[in-house]
């Protein structure tokens, strides 16, 4: 099962696999392509939503975290495992503060607390 959707700010995502929802938020490259080695093993046990960050327009942490919340809700889930890598880790931390009730688990990889710029 695979599907691709887009959120209101232009952030898109692709869903693969079955099981509990796992949302991967990528680093500044914004594509989620650096997740290629881990994804095949995860889609056997999880429904993996890989976020592709918008490349156009201005957006804030609030916009990005609301997009992640919209993805979880659009997929019919109440909670999800959130993985944030590099810049995606800063989005994941902001998401945890803004939408704590939507998190089942929070995993931060190779990140920092906030990106200014």
PDB file of N, CA and C in Angstrom:
ATOM      1  N   UNK A   1       0.841  -1.179   0.000  1.00  0.00           N
ATOM      2  CA  UNK A   1       0.000   0.000   0.000  1.00  0.00           C
ATOM      3  C   UNK A   1       0.885   1.240   0.000  1.00  0.00           C
ATOM      4  N   UNK A   2       0.670   2.124  -0.933  1.00  0.00           N
ATOM      5  CA  UNK A   2       1.434   3.355  -1.018  1.00  0.00           C
ATOM      6  C   UNK A   2       0.510   4.463  -1.483  1.00  0.00           C
ATOM      7  N   UNK A   3       0.618   5.603  -0.873  1.00  0.00           N
ATOM      8  CA  UNK A   3      -0.177   6.738  -1.293  1.00  0.00           C
ATOM      9  C   UNK A   3       0.624   8.005  -1.061  1.00  0.00           C
ATOM     10  N   UNK A   4       0.353   9.050  -1.847  1.00  0.00           N
ATOM     11  CA  UNK A   4       1.010  10.334  -1.686  1.00  0.00           C
ATOM     12  C   UNK A   4      -0.059  11.404  -1.548  1.00  0.00           C
ATOM     13  N   UNK A   5       0.149  12.313  -0.640  1.00  0.00           N
ATOM     14  CA  UNK A   5      -0.799  13.391  -0.370  1.00  0.00           C
ATOM     15  C   UNK A   5      -0.029  14.680  -0.155  1.00  0.00           C
ATOM     16  N   UNK A   6      -0.761  15.801  -0.107  1.00  0.00           N
ATOM     17  CA  UNK A   6      -0.150  17.096   0.151  1.00  0.00           C
ATOM     18  C   UNK A   6      -0.955  17.841   1.198  1.00  0.00           C
ATOM     19  N   UNK A   7      -0.257  18.553   2.108  1.00  0.00           N
ATOM     20  CA  UNK A   7      -0.915  19.334   3.147  1.00  0.00           C
ATOM     21  C   UNK A   7      -1.149  20.757   2.659  1.00  0.00           C
ATOM     22  N   UNK A   8      -1.762  21.567   3.467  1.00  0.00           N
ATOM     23  CA  UNK A   8      -2.139  22.925   3.067  1.00  0.00           C
ATOM     24  C   UNK A   8      -0.954  23.834   2.772  1.00  0.00           C
ATOM     25  N   UNK A   9       0.185  23.627   3.404  1.00  0.00           N
ATOM     26  CA  UNK A   9       1.341  24.499   3.153  1.00  0.00           C
ATOM     27  C   UNK A   9       2.230  23.976   2.028  1.00  0.00           C
ATOM     28  N   UNK A  10       1.825  22.895   1.399  1.00  0.00           N
ATOM     29  CA  UNK A  10       2.631  22.359   0.305  1.00  0.00           C
ATOM     30  C   UNK A  10       3.569  21.257   0.733  1.00  0.00           C
ATOM     31  N   UNK A  11       3.586  20.936   2.012  1.00  0.00           N
ATOM     32  CA  UNK A  11       4.358  19.811   2.517  1.00  0.00           C
ATOM     33  C   UNK A  11       3.662  18.547   2.006  1.00  0.00           C
ATOM     34  N   UNK A  12       4.399  17.639   1.400  1.00  0.00           N
ATOM     35  CA  UNK A  12       3.776  16.414   0.914  1.00  0.00           C
ATOM     36  C   UNK A  12       4.314  15.221   1.693  1.00  0.00           C
ATOM     37  N   UNK A  13       3.660  14.087   1.527  1.00  0.00           N
ATOM     38  CA  UNK A  13       4.121  12.885   2.214  1.00  0.00           C
ATOM     39  C   UNK A  13       3.724  11.664   1.411  1.00  0.00           C
ATOM     40  N   UNK A  14       4.476  10.598   1.656  1.00  0.00           N
ATOM     41  CA  UNK A  14       4.217   9.321   1.010  1.00  0.00           C
ATOM     42  C   UNK A  14       4.058   8.275   2.100  1.00  0.00           C
ATOM     43  N   UNK A  15       3.073   7.400   1.946  1.00  0.00           N
ATOM     44  CA  UNK A  15       2.795   6.380   2.952  1.00  0.00           C
ATOM     45  C   UNK A  15       3.034   5.002   2.356  1.00  0.00           C
ATOM     46  N   UNK A  16       3.771   4.162   3.106  1.00  0.00           N
ATOM     47  CA  UNK A  16       4.032   2.784   2.697  1.00  0.00           C
ATOM     48  C   UNK A  16       3.948   1.878   3.910  1.00  0.00           C
ATOM     49  N   UNK A  17       3.539   0.657   3.708  1.00  0.00           N
ATOM     50  CA  UNK A  17       3.532  -0.345   4.766  1.00  0.00           C
ATOM     51  C   UNK A  17       2.232  -0.425   5.522  1.00  0.00           C
ATOM     52  N   UNK A  18       2.250  -1.283   6.546  1.00  0.00           N
ATOM     53  CA  UNK A  18       1.072  -1.518   7.384  1.00  0.00           C
ATOM     54  C   UNK A  18       1.509  -1.619   8.834  1.00  0.00           C
ATOM     55  N   UNK A  19       0.603  -1.234   9.709  1.00  0.00           N
ATOM     56  CA  UNK A  19       0.888  -1.313  11.130  1.00  0.00           C
ATOM     57  C   UNK A  19       0.760   0.053  11.777  1.00  0.00           C
ATOM     58  N   UNK A  20       1.332   0.207  12.971  1.00  0.00           N
ATOM     59  CA  UNK A  20       1.267   1.496  13.657  1.00  0.00           C
ATOM     60  C   UNK A  20       1.919   2.590  12.792  1.00  0.00           C
ATOM     61  N   UNK A  21       1.395   3.807  12.904  1.00  0.00           N
ATOM     62  CA  UNK A  21       1.904   4.908  12.092  1.00  0.00           C
ATOM     63  C   UNK A  21       3.226   5.437  12.627  1.00  0.00           C
ATOM     64  N   UNK A  22       4.192   5.565  11.724  1.00  0.00           N
ATOM     65  CA  UNK A  22       5.493   6.147  12.009  1.00  0.00           C
ATOM     66  C   UNK A  22       5.677   7.291  11.005  1.00  0.00           C
ATOM     67  N   UNK A  23       5.922   8.507  11.501  1.00  0.00           N
ATOM     68  CA  UNK A  23       6.108   9.670  10.633  1.00  0.00           C
ATOM     69  C   UNK A  23       7.570  10.062  10.674  1.00  0.00           C
ATOM     70  N   UNK A  24       8.217  10.080   9.491  1.00  0.00           N
ATOM     71  CA  UNK A  24       9.614  10.476   9.383  1.00  0.00           C
ATOM     72  C   UNK A  24       9.684  11.899   8.861  1.00  0.00           C
ATOM     73  N   UNK A  25      10.319  12.803   9.646  1.00  0.00           N
ATOM     74  CA  UNK A  25      10.515  14.202   9.253  1.00  0.00           C
ATOM     75  C   UNK A  25      11.983  14.364   8.876  1.00  0.00           C
ATOM     76  N   UNK A  26      12.272  14.726   7.615  1.00  0.00           N
ATOM     77  CA  UNK A  26      13.661  14.763   7.136  1.00  0.00           C
ATOM     78  C   UNK A  26      14.420  16.008   7.565  1.00  0.00           C
ATOM     79  N   UNK A  27      15.701  15.986   7.259  1.00  0.00           N
ATOM     80  CA  UNK A  27      16.565  17.139   7.487  1.00  0.00           C
ATOM     81  C   UNK A  27      16.339  18.217   6.443  1.00  0.00           C
ATOM     82  N   UNK A  28      17.278  19.156   6.370  1.00  0.00           N
ATOM     83  CA  UNK A  28      17.123  20.310   5.484  1.00  0.00           C
ATOM     84  C   UNK A  28      17.035  19.955   4.007  1.00  0.00           C
ATOM     85  N   UNK A  29      17.511  18.777   3.617  1.00  0.00           N
ATOM     86  CA  UNK A  29      17.332  18.405   2.203  1.00  0.00           C
ATOM     87  C   UNK A  29      15.849  18.300   1.882  1.00  0.00           C
ATOM     88  N   UNK A  30      15.035  18.037   2.900  1.00  0.00           N
ATOM     89  CA  UNK A  30      13.588  18.091   2.785  1.00  0.00           C
ATOM     90  C   UNK A  30      12.918  16.960   2.045  1.00  0.00           C
ATOM     91  N   UNK A  31      13.685  15.999   1.547  1.00  0.00           N
ATOM     92  CA  UNK A  31      13.101  14.968   0.697  1.00  0.00           C
ATOM     93  C   UNK A  31      12.768  13.670   1.420  1.00  0.00           C
ATOM     94  N   UNK A  32      13.480  13.362   2.475  1.00  0.00           N
ATOM     95  CA  UNK A  32      13.313  12.077   3.137  1.00  0.00           C
ATOM     96  C   UNK A  32      14.072  10.957   2.443  1.00  0.00           C
ATOM     97  N   UNK A  33      14.798  11.290   1.381  1.00  0.00           N
ATOM     98  CA  UNK A  33      15.534  10.275   0.622  1.00  0.00           C
ATOM     99  C   UNK A  33      16.675   9.653   1.425  1.00  0.00           C
ATOM    100  N   UNK A  34      17.193  10.348   2.436  1.00  0.00           N
ATOM    101  CA  UNK A  34      18.277   9.799   3.246  1.00  0.00           C
ATOM    102  C   UNK A  34      17.806   8.675   4.173  1.00  0.00           C
ATOM    103  N   UNK A  35      16.519   8.408   4.156  1.00  0.00           N
ATOM    104  CA  UNK A  35      15.894   7.378   4.981  1.00  0.00           C
ATOM    105  C   UNK A  35      15.816   6.048   4.230  1.00  0.00           C
ATOM    106  N   UNK A  36      16.451   5.979   3.050  1.00  0.00           N
ATOM    107  CA  UNK A  36      16.279   4.838   2.148  1.00  0.00           C
ATOM    108  C   UNK A  36      16.758   3.515   2.727  1.00  0.00           C
ATOM    109  N   UNK A  37      17.771   3.510   3.570  1.00  0.00           N
ATOM    110  CA  UNK A  37      18.264   2.242   4.117  1.00  0.00           C
ATOM    111  C   UNK A  37      17.358   1.686   5.210  1.00  0.00           C
ATOM    112  N   UNK A  38      16.757   2.556   6.001  1.00  0.00           N
ATOM    113  CA  UNK A  38      15.930   2.116   7.116  1.00  0.00           C
ATOM    114  C   UNK A  38      14.502   1.774   6.696  1.00  0.00           C
ATOM    115  N   UNK A  39      13.993   2.477   5.697  1.00  0.00           N
ATOM    116  CA  UNK A  39      12.582   2.327   5.347  1.00  0.00           C
ATOM    117  C   UNK A  39      12.179   0.904   4.964  1.00  0.00           C
ATOM    118  N   UNK A  40      12.938   0.166   4.141  1.00  0.00           N
ATOM    119  CA  UNK A  40      12.495  -1.190   3.775  1.00  0.00           C
ATOM    120  C   UNK A  40      12.265  -2.108   4.972  1.00  0.00           C
ATOM    121  N   UNK A  41      13.081  -1.993   5.999  1.00  0.00           N
ATOM    122  CA  UNK A  41      12.887  -2.823   7.189  1.00  0.00           C
ATOM    123  C   UNK A  41      11.680  -2.367   8.005  1.00  0.00           C
ATOM    124  N   UNK A  42      11.416  -1.076   8.009  1.00  0.00           N
ATOM    125  CA  UNK A  42      10.323  -0.546   8.817  1.00  0.00           C
ATOM    126  C   UNK A  42       8.947  -0.780   8.205  1.00  0.00           C
ATOM    127  N   UNK A  43       8.832  -0.749   6.874  1.00  0.00           N
ATOM    128  CA  UNK A  43       7.509  -0.885   6.249  1.00  0.00           C
ATOM    129  C   UNK A  43       6.920  -2.282   6.427  1.00  0.00           C
ATOM    130  N   UNK A  44       7.725  -3.226   6.863  1.00  0.00           N
ATOM    131  CA  UNK A  44       7.191  -4.551   7.161  1.00  0.00           C
ATOM    132  C   UNK A  44       6.395  -4.584   8.456  1.00  0.00           C
ATOM    133  N   UNK A  45       6.665  -3.637   9.356  1.00  0.00           N
ATOM    134  CA  UNK A  45       6.005  -3.622  10.663  1.00  0.00           C
ATOM    135  C   UNK A  45       5.237  -2.338  10.954  1.00  0.00           C
ATOM    136  N   UNK A  46       5.487  -1.290  10.165  1.00  0.00           N
ATOM    137  CA  UNK A  46       4.877   0.015  10.414  1.00  0.00           C
ATOM    138  C   UNK A  46       4.304   0.595   9.128  1.00  0.00           C
ATOM    139  N   UNK A  47       3.333   1.467   9.292  1.00  0.00           N
ATOM    140  CA  UNK A  47       2.860   2.290   8.182  1.00  0.00           C
ATOM    141  C   UNK A  47       3.717   3.553   8.256  1.00  0.00           C
ATOM    142  N   UNK A  48       4.639   3.702   7.326  1.00  0.00           N
ATOM    143  CA  UNK A  48       5.627   4.773   7.351  1.00  0.00           C
ATOM    144  C   UNK A  48       5.177   5.923   6.451  1.00  0.00           C
ATOM    145  N   UNK A  49       5.006   7.096   7.056  1.00  0.00           N
ATOM    146  CA  UNK A  49       4.701   8.319   6.308  1.00  0.00           C
ATOM    147  C   UNK A  49       5.984   9.132   6.249  1.00  0.00           C
ATOM    148  N   UNK A  50       6.550   9.267   5.053  1.00  0.00           N
ATOM    149  CA  UNK A  50       7.768  10.042   4.862  1.00  0.00           C
ATOM    150  C   UNK A  50       7.374  11.432   4.392  1.00  0.00           C
ATOM    151  N   UNK A  51       7.727  12.438   5.170  1.00  0.00           N
ATOM    152  CA  UNK A  51       7.365  13.823   4.873  1.00  0.00           C
ATOM    153  C   UNK A  51       8.369  14.403   3.887  1.00  0.00           C
ATOM    154  N   UNK A  52       7.859  15.151   2.918  1.00  0.00           N
ATOM    155  CA  UNK A  52       8.687  15.907   1.980  1.00  0.00           C
ATOM    156  C   UNK A  52       8.356  17.375   2.234  1.00  0.00           C
ATOM    157  N   UNK A  53       9.319  18.106   2.804  1.00  0.00           N
ATOM    158  CA  UNK A  53       9.069  19.495   3.177  1.00  0.00           C
ATOM    159  C   UNK A  53       8.888  20.374   1.949  1.00  0.00           C
ATOM    160  N   UNK A  54       8.054  21.387   2.089  1.00  0.00           N
ATOM    161  CA  UNK A  54       7.802  22.327   1.002  1.00  0.00           C
ATOM    162  C   UNK A  54       9.085  23.066   0.627  1.00  0.00           C
ATOM    163  N   UNK A  55       9.275  23.261  -0.656  1.00  0.00           N
ATOM    164  CA  UNK A  55      10.446  23.997  -1.131  1.00  0.00           C
ATOM    165  C   UNK A  55      10.109  25.435  -1.481  1.00  0.00           C
ATOM    166  N   UNK A  56       8.853  25.818  -1.369  1.00  0.00           N
ATOM    167  CA  UNK A  56       8.430  27.153  -1.763  1.00  0.00           C
ATOM    168  C   UNK A  56       7.668  27.830  -0.644  1.00  0.00           C
ATOM    169  N   UNK A  57       7.743  29.151  -0.639  1.00  0.00           N
ATOM    170  CA  UNK A  57       6.969  29.934   0.308  1.00  0.00           C
ATOM    171  C   UNK A  57       7.634  30.021   1.667  1.00  0.00           C
ATOM    172  N   UNK A  58       7.098  30.894   2.473  1.00  0.00           N
ATOM    173  CA  UNK A  58       7.568  31.051   3.836  1.00  0.00           C
ATOM    174  C   UNK A  58       6.718  30.195   4.749  1.00  0.00           C
ATOM    175  N   UNK A  59       7.348  29.551   5.705  1.00  0.00           N
ATOM    176  CA  UNK A  59       6.602  28.780   6.674  1.00  0.00           C
ATOM    177  C   UNK A  59       7.341  28.818   7.993  1.00  0.00           C
ATOM    178  N   UNK A  60       6.611  28.575   9.053  1.00  0.00           N
ATOM    179  CA  UNK A  60       7.146  28.632  10.408  1.00  0.00           C
ATOM    180  C   UNK A  60       7.177  27.230  11.012  1.00  0.00           C
ATOM    181  N   UNK A  61       7.766  27.132  12.194  1.00  0.00           N
ATOM    182  CA  UNK A  61       7.707  25.866  12.926  1.00  0.00           C
ATOM    183  C   UNK A  61       6.254  25.473  13.191  1.00  0.00           C
ATOM    184  N   UNK A  62       5.415  26.459  13.464  1.00  0.00           N
ATOM    185  CA  UNK A  62       4.005  26.173  13.714  1.00  0.00           C
ATOM    186  C   UNK A  62       3.358  25.556  12.471  1.00  0.00           C
ATOM    187  N   UNK A  63       3.680  26.108  11.284  1.00  0.00           N
ATOM    188  CA  UNK A  63       3.151  25.548  10.040  1.00  0.00           C
ATOM    189  C   UNK A  63       3.604  24.099   9.863  1.00  0.00           C
ATOM    190  N   UNK A  64       4.896  23.853  10.069  1.00  0.00           N
ATOM    191  CA  UNK A  64       5.444  22.508   9.869  1.00  0.00           C
ATOM    192  C   UNK A  64       4.854  21.517  10.870  1.00  0.00           C
ATOM    193  N   UNK A  65       4.749  21.930  12.127  1.00  0.00           N
ATOM    194  CA  UNK A  65       4.203  21.010  13.130  1.00  0.00           C
ATOM    195  C   UNK A  65       2.711  20.771  12.905  1.00  0.00           C
ATOM    196  N   UNK A  66       2.003  21.790  12.452  1.00  0.00           N
ATOM    197  CA  UNK A  66       0.587  21.599  12.133  1.00  0.00           C
ATOM    198  C   UNK A  66       0.421  20.684  10.926  1.00  0.00           C
ATOM    199  N   UNK A  67       1.360  20.749   9.971  1.00  0.00           N
ATOM    200  CA  UNK A  67       1.328  19.832   8.830  1.00  0.00           C
ATOM    201  C   UNK A  67       1.488  18.384   9.300  1.00  0.00           C
ATOM    202  N   UNK A  68       2.416  18.150  10.229  1.00  0.00           N
ATOM    203  CA  UNK A  68       2.612  16.795  10.749  1.00  0.00           C
ATOM    204  C   UNK A  68       1.343  16.335  11.467  1.00  0.00           C
ATOM    205  N   UNK A  69       0.725  17.220  12.240  1.00  0.00           N
ATOM    206  CA  UNK A  69      -0.530  16.875  12.913  1.00  0.00           C
ATOM    207  C   UNK A  69      -1.613  16.537  11.891  1.00  0.00           C
ATOM    208  N   UNK A  70      -1.671  17.305  10.803  1.00  0.00           N
ATOM    209  CA  UNK A  70      -2.665  17.050   9.761  1.00  0.00           C
ATOM    210  C   UNK A  70      -2.447  15.691   9.105  1.00  0.00           C
ATOM    211  N   UNK A  71      -1.187  15.323   8.899  1.00  0.00           N
ATOM    212  CA  UNK A  71      -0.876  14.016   8.310  1.00  0.00           C
ATOM    213  C   UNK A  71      -1.413  12.899   9.205  1.00  0.00           C
ATOM    214  N   UNK A  72      -1.145  12.997  10.495  1.00  0.00           N
ATOM    215  CA  UNK A  72      -1.599  11.974  11.442  1.00  0.00           C
ATOM    216  C   UNK A  72      -3.125  11.867  11.401  1.00  0.00           C
ATOM    217  N   UNK A  73      -3.788  13.003  11.418  1.00  0.00           N
ATOM    218  CA  UNK A  73      -5.257  13.006  11.417  1.00  0.00           C
ATOM    219  C   UNK A  73      -5.821  12.533  10.084  1.00  0.00           C
ATOM    220  N   UNK A  74      -5.211  12.952   8.966  1.00  0.00           N
ATOM    221  CA  UNK A  74      -5.669  12.520   7.641  1.00  0.00           C
ATOM    222  C   UNK A  74      -5.564  11.007   7.483  1.00  0.00           C
ATOM    223  N   UNK A  75      -4.586  10.415   8.143  1.00  0.00           N
ATOM    224  CA  UNK A  75      -4.393   8.969   8.061  1.00  0.00           C
ATOM    225  C   UNK A  75      -5.243   8.225   9.097  1.00  0.00           C
ATOM    226  N   UNK A  76      -6.090   8.956   9.805  1.00  0.00           N
ATOM    227  CA  UNK A  76      -7.045   8.342  10.715  1.00  0.00           C
ATOM    228  C   UNK A  76      -6.465   7.842  12.020  1.00  0.00           C
ATOM    229  N   UNK A  77      -5.350   8.403  12.427  1.00  0.00           N
ATOM    230  CA  UNK A  77      -4.707   7.956  13.661  1.00  0.00           C
ATOM    231  C   UNK A  77      -4.857   8.993  14.765  1.00  0.00           C
ATOM    232  N   UNK A  78      -4.792   8.531  15.998  1.00  0.00           N
ATOM    233  CA  UNK A  78      -4.830   9.427  17.153  1.00  0.00           C
ATOM    234  C   UNK A  78      -3.427   9.792  17.619  1.00  0.00           C
ATOM    235  N   UNK A  79      -2.462   8.896  17.358  1.00  0.00           N
ATOM    236  CA  UNK A  79      -1.075   9.100  17.795  1.00  0.00           C
ATOM    237  C   UNK A  79      -0.148   8.461  16.769  1.00  0.00           C
ATOM    238  N   UNK A  80       1.125   8.859  16.806  1.00  0.00           N
ATOM    239  CA  UNK A  80       2.105   8.279  15.891  1.00  0.00           C
ATOM    240  C   UNK A  80       3.483   8.293  16.536  1.00  0.00           C
ATOM    241  N   UNK A  81       4.325   7.426  16.029  1.00  0.00           N
ATOM    242  CA  UNK A  81       5.743   7.469  16.357  1.00  0.00           C
ATOM    243  C   UNK A  81       6.340   8.535  15.450  1.00  0.00           C
ATOM    244  N   UNK A  82       7.069   9.487  16.025  1.00  0.00           N
ATOM    245  CA  UNK A  82       7.654  10.576  15.263  1.00  0.00           C
ATOM    246  C   UNK A  82       9.165  10.418  15.264  1.00  0.00           C
ATOM    247  N   UNK A  83       9.755  10.393  14.065  1.00  0.00           N
ATOM    248  CA  UNK A  83      11.213  10.357  13.925  1.00  0.00           C
ATOM    249  C   UNK A  83      11.627  11.633  13.206  1.00  0.00           C
ATOM    250  N   UNK A  84      12.517  12.399  13.818  1.00  0.00           N
ATOM    251  CA  UNK A  84      13.041  13.614  13.202  1.00  0.00           C
ATOM    252  C   UNK A  84      14.543  13.495  13.052  1.00  0.00           C
ATOM    253  N   UNK A  85      15.027  13.737  11.838  1.00  0.00           N
ATOM    254  CA  UNK A  85      16.464  13.630  11.551  1.00  0.00           C
ATOM    255  C   UNK A  85      17.011  15.013  11.219  1.00  0.00           C
ATOM    256  N   UNK A  86      18.105  15.405  11.870  1.00  0.00           N
ATOM    257  CA  UNK A  86      18.765  16.691  11.651  1.00  0.00           C
ATOM    258  C   UNK A  86      17.758  17.828  11.844  1.00  0.00           C
ATOM    259  N   UNK A  87      17.535  18.669  10.836  1.00  0.00           N
ATOM    260  CA  UNK A  87      16.545  19.750  10.953  1.00  0.00           C
ATOM    261  C   UNK A  87      15.172  19.182  11.312  1.00  0.00           C
ATOM    262  N   UNK A  88      14.852  18.003  10.803  1.00  0.00           N
ATOM    263  CA  UNK A  88      13.581  17.360  11.142  1.00  0.00           C
ATOM    264  C   UNK A  88      13.460  17.094  12.632  1.00  0.00           C
ATOM    265  N   UNK A  89      14.589  16.935  13.312  1.00  0.00           N
ATOM    266  CA  UNK A  89      14.576  16.778  14.766  1.00  0.00           C
ATOM    267  C   UNK A  89      14.089  18.037  15.457  1.00  0.00           C
ATOM    268  N   UNK A  90      14.452  19.199  14.909  1.00  0.00           N
ATOM    269  CA  UNK A  90      13.972  20.451  15.500  1.00  0.00           C
ATOM    270  C   UNK A  90      12.461  20.584  15.293  1.00  0.00           C
ATOM    271  N   UNK A  91      11.985  20.135  14.130  1.00  0.00           N
ATOM    272  CA  UNK A  91      10.540  20.143  13.874  1.00  0.00           C
ATOM    273  C   UNK A  91       9.854  19.155  14.814  1.00  0.00           C
ATOM    274  N   UNK A  92      10.448  17.974  14.998  1.00  0.00           N
ATOM    275  CA  UNK A  92       9.871  16.960  15.879  1.00  0.00           C
ATOM    276  C   UNK A  92       9.802  17.454  17.328  1.00  0.00           C
ATOM    277  N   UNK A  93      10.851  18.130  17.795  1.00  0.00           N
ATOM    278  CA  UNK A  93      10.823  18.682  19.155  1.00  0.00           C
ATOM    279  C   UNK A  93       9.739  19.751  19.286  1.00  0.00           C
ATOM    280  N   UNK A  94       9.614  20.617  18.294  1.00  0.00           N
ATOM    281  CA  UNK A  94       8.552  21.629  18.300  1.00  0.00           C
ATOM    282  C   UNK A  94       7.179  20.967  18.250  1.00  0.00           C
ATOM    283  N   UNK A  95       7.077  19.889  17.465  1.00  0.00           N
ATOM    284  CA  UNK A  95       5.826  19.140  17.380  1.00  0.00           C
ATOM    285  C   UNK A  95       5.454  18.583  18.756  1.00  0.00           C
ATOM    286  N   UNK A  96       6.442  18.036  19.461  1.00  0.00           N
ATOM    287  CA  UNK A  96       6.187  17.462  20.788  1.00  0.00           C
ATOM    288  C   UNK A  96       5.655  18.514  21.756  1.00  0.00           C
ATOM    289  N   UNK A  97       6.133  19.736  21.645  1.00  0.00           N
ATOM    290  CA  UNK A  97       5.654  20.810  22.512  1.00  0.00           C
ATOM    291  C   UNK A  97       4.274  21.313  22.098  1.00  0.00           C
ATOM    292  N   UNK A  98       4.020  21.348  20.794  1.00  0.00           N
ATOM    293  CA  UNK A  98       2.758  21.904  20.281  1.00  0.00           C
ATOM    294  C   UNK A  98       1.616  20.878  20.264  1.00  0.00           C
ATOM    295  N   UNK A  99       1.950  19.609  20.021  1.00  0.00           N
ATOM    296  CA  UNK A  99       0.924  18.554  19.891  1.00  0.00           C
ATOM    297  C   UNK A  99       1.316  17.309  20.701  1.00  0.00           C
ATOM    298  N   UNK A 100       1.528  17.437  22.003  1.00  0.00           N
ATOM    299  CA  UNK A 100       2.015  16.290  22.784  1.00  0.00           C
ATOM    300  C   UNK A 100       1.072  15.087  22.771  1.00  0.00           C
ATOM    301  N   UNK A 101      -0.212  15.316  22.636  1.00  0.00           N
ATOM    302  CA  UNK A 101      -1.177  14.222  22.652  1.00  0.00           C
ATOM    303  C   UNK A 101      -1.155  13.352  21.411  1.00  0.00           C
ATOM    304  N   UNK A 102      -0.466  13.805  20.354  1.00  0.00           N
ATOM    305  CA  UNK A 102      -0.410  13.040  19.104  1.00  0.00           C
ATOM    306  C   UNK A 102       0.815  12.128  19.021  1.00  0.00           C
ATOM    307  N   UNK A 103       1.650  12.143  20.058  1.00  0.00           N
ATOM    308  CA  UNK A 103       2.907  11.381  20.021  1.00  0.00           C
ATOM    309  C   UNK A 103       2.792  10.085  20.813  1.00  0.00           C
ATOM    310  N   UNK A 104       3.134   8.984  20.147  1.00  0.00           N
ATOM    311  CA  UNK A 104       3.271   7.701  20.822  1.00  0.00           C
ATOM    312  C   UNK A 104       4.710   7.559  21.330  1.00  0.00           C
ATOM    313  N   UNK A 105       5.661   7.831  20.445  1.00  0.00           N
ATOM    314  CA  UNK A 105       7.092   7.832  20.778  1.00  0.00           C
ATOM    315  C   UNK A 105       7.754   8.940  19.980  1.00  0.00           C
ATOM    316  N   UNK A 106       8.834   9.485  20.515  1.00  0.00           N
ATOM    317  CA  UNK A 106       9.580  10.548  19.841  1.00  0.00           C
ATOM    318  C   UNK A 106      11.034  10.109  19.714  1.00  0.00           C
ATOM    319  N   UNK A 107      11.530  10.093  18.476  1.00  0.00           N
ATOM    320  CA  UNK A 107      12.909   9.678  18.202  1.00  0.00           C
ATOM    321  C   UNK A 107      13.592  10.820  17.465  1.00  0.00           C
ATOM    322  N   UNK A 108      14.707  11.293  18.024  1.00  0.00           N
ATOM    323  CA  UNK A 108      15.465  12.384  17.429  1.00  0.00           C
ATOM    324  C   UNK A 108      16.836  11.835  17.025  1.00  0.00           C
ATOM    325  N   UNK A 109      17.199  12.048  15.756  1.00  0.00           N
ATOM    326  CA  UNK A 109      18.469  11.556  15.227  1.00  0.00           C
ATOM    327  C   UNK A 109      19.347  12.712  14.763  1.00  0.00           C
ATOM    328  N   UNK A 110      20.586  12.755  15.239  1.00  0.00           N
ATOM    329  CA  UNK A 110      21.577  13.672  14.704  1.00  0.00           C
ATOM    330  C   UNK A 110      21.015  15.090  14.568  1.00  0.00           C
ATOM    331  N   UNK A 111      20.531  15.660  15.662  1.00  0.00           N
ATOM    332  CA  UNK A 111      19.824  16.926  15.568  1.00  0.00           C
ATOM    333  C   UNK A 111      20.354  17.954  16.557  1.00  0.00           C
ATOM    334  N   UNK A 112      19.606  19.013  16.709  1.00  0.00           N
ATOM    335  CA  UNK A 112      19.917  20.139  17.561  1.00  0.00           C
ATOM    336  C   UNK A 112      18.583  20.733  18.005  1.00  0.00           C
ATOM    337  N   UNK A 113      18.549  21.612  19.037  1.00  0.00           N
ATOM    338  CA  UNK A 113      17.263  22.030  19.584  1.00  0.00           C
ATOM    339  C   UNK A 113      16.433  22.970  18.715  1.00  0.00           C
ATOM    340  N   UNK A 114      17.057  23.840  17.941  1.00  0.00           N
ATOM    341  CA  UNK A 114      16.278  24.799  17.134  1.00  0.00           C
ATOM    342  C   UNK A 114      17.163  25.373  16.054  1.00  0.00           C
ATOM    343  N   UNK A 115      16.549  25.649  14.901  1.00  0.00           N
ATOM    344  CA  UNK A 115      17.247  26.243  13.772  1.00  0.00           C
ATOM    345  C   UNK A 115      16.782  27.688  13.633  1.00  0.00           C
ATOM    346  N   UNK A 116      17.707  28.597  13.661  1.00  0.00           N
ATOM    347  CA  UNK A 116      17.364  30.023  13.502  1.00  0.00           C
ATOM    348  C   UNK A 116      17.821  30.451  12.118  1.00  0.00           C
ATOM    349  N   UNK A 117      16.874  30.863  11.332  1.00  0.00           N
ATOM    350  CA  UNK A 117      17.258  31.303   9.989  1.00  0.00           C
ATOM    351  C   UNK A 117      16.245  30.901   9.027  1.00  0.00           C
TER     352      UNK A 117
END
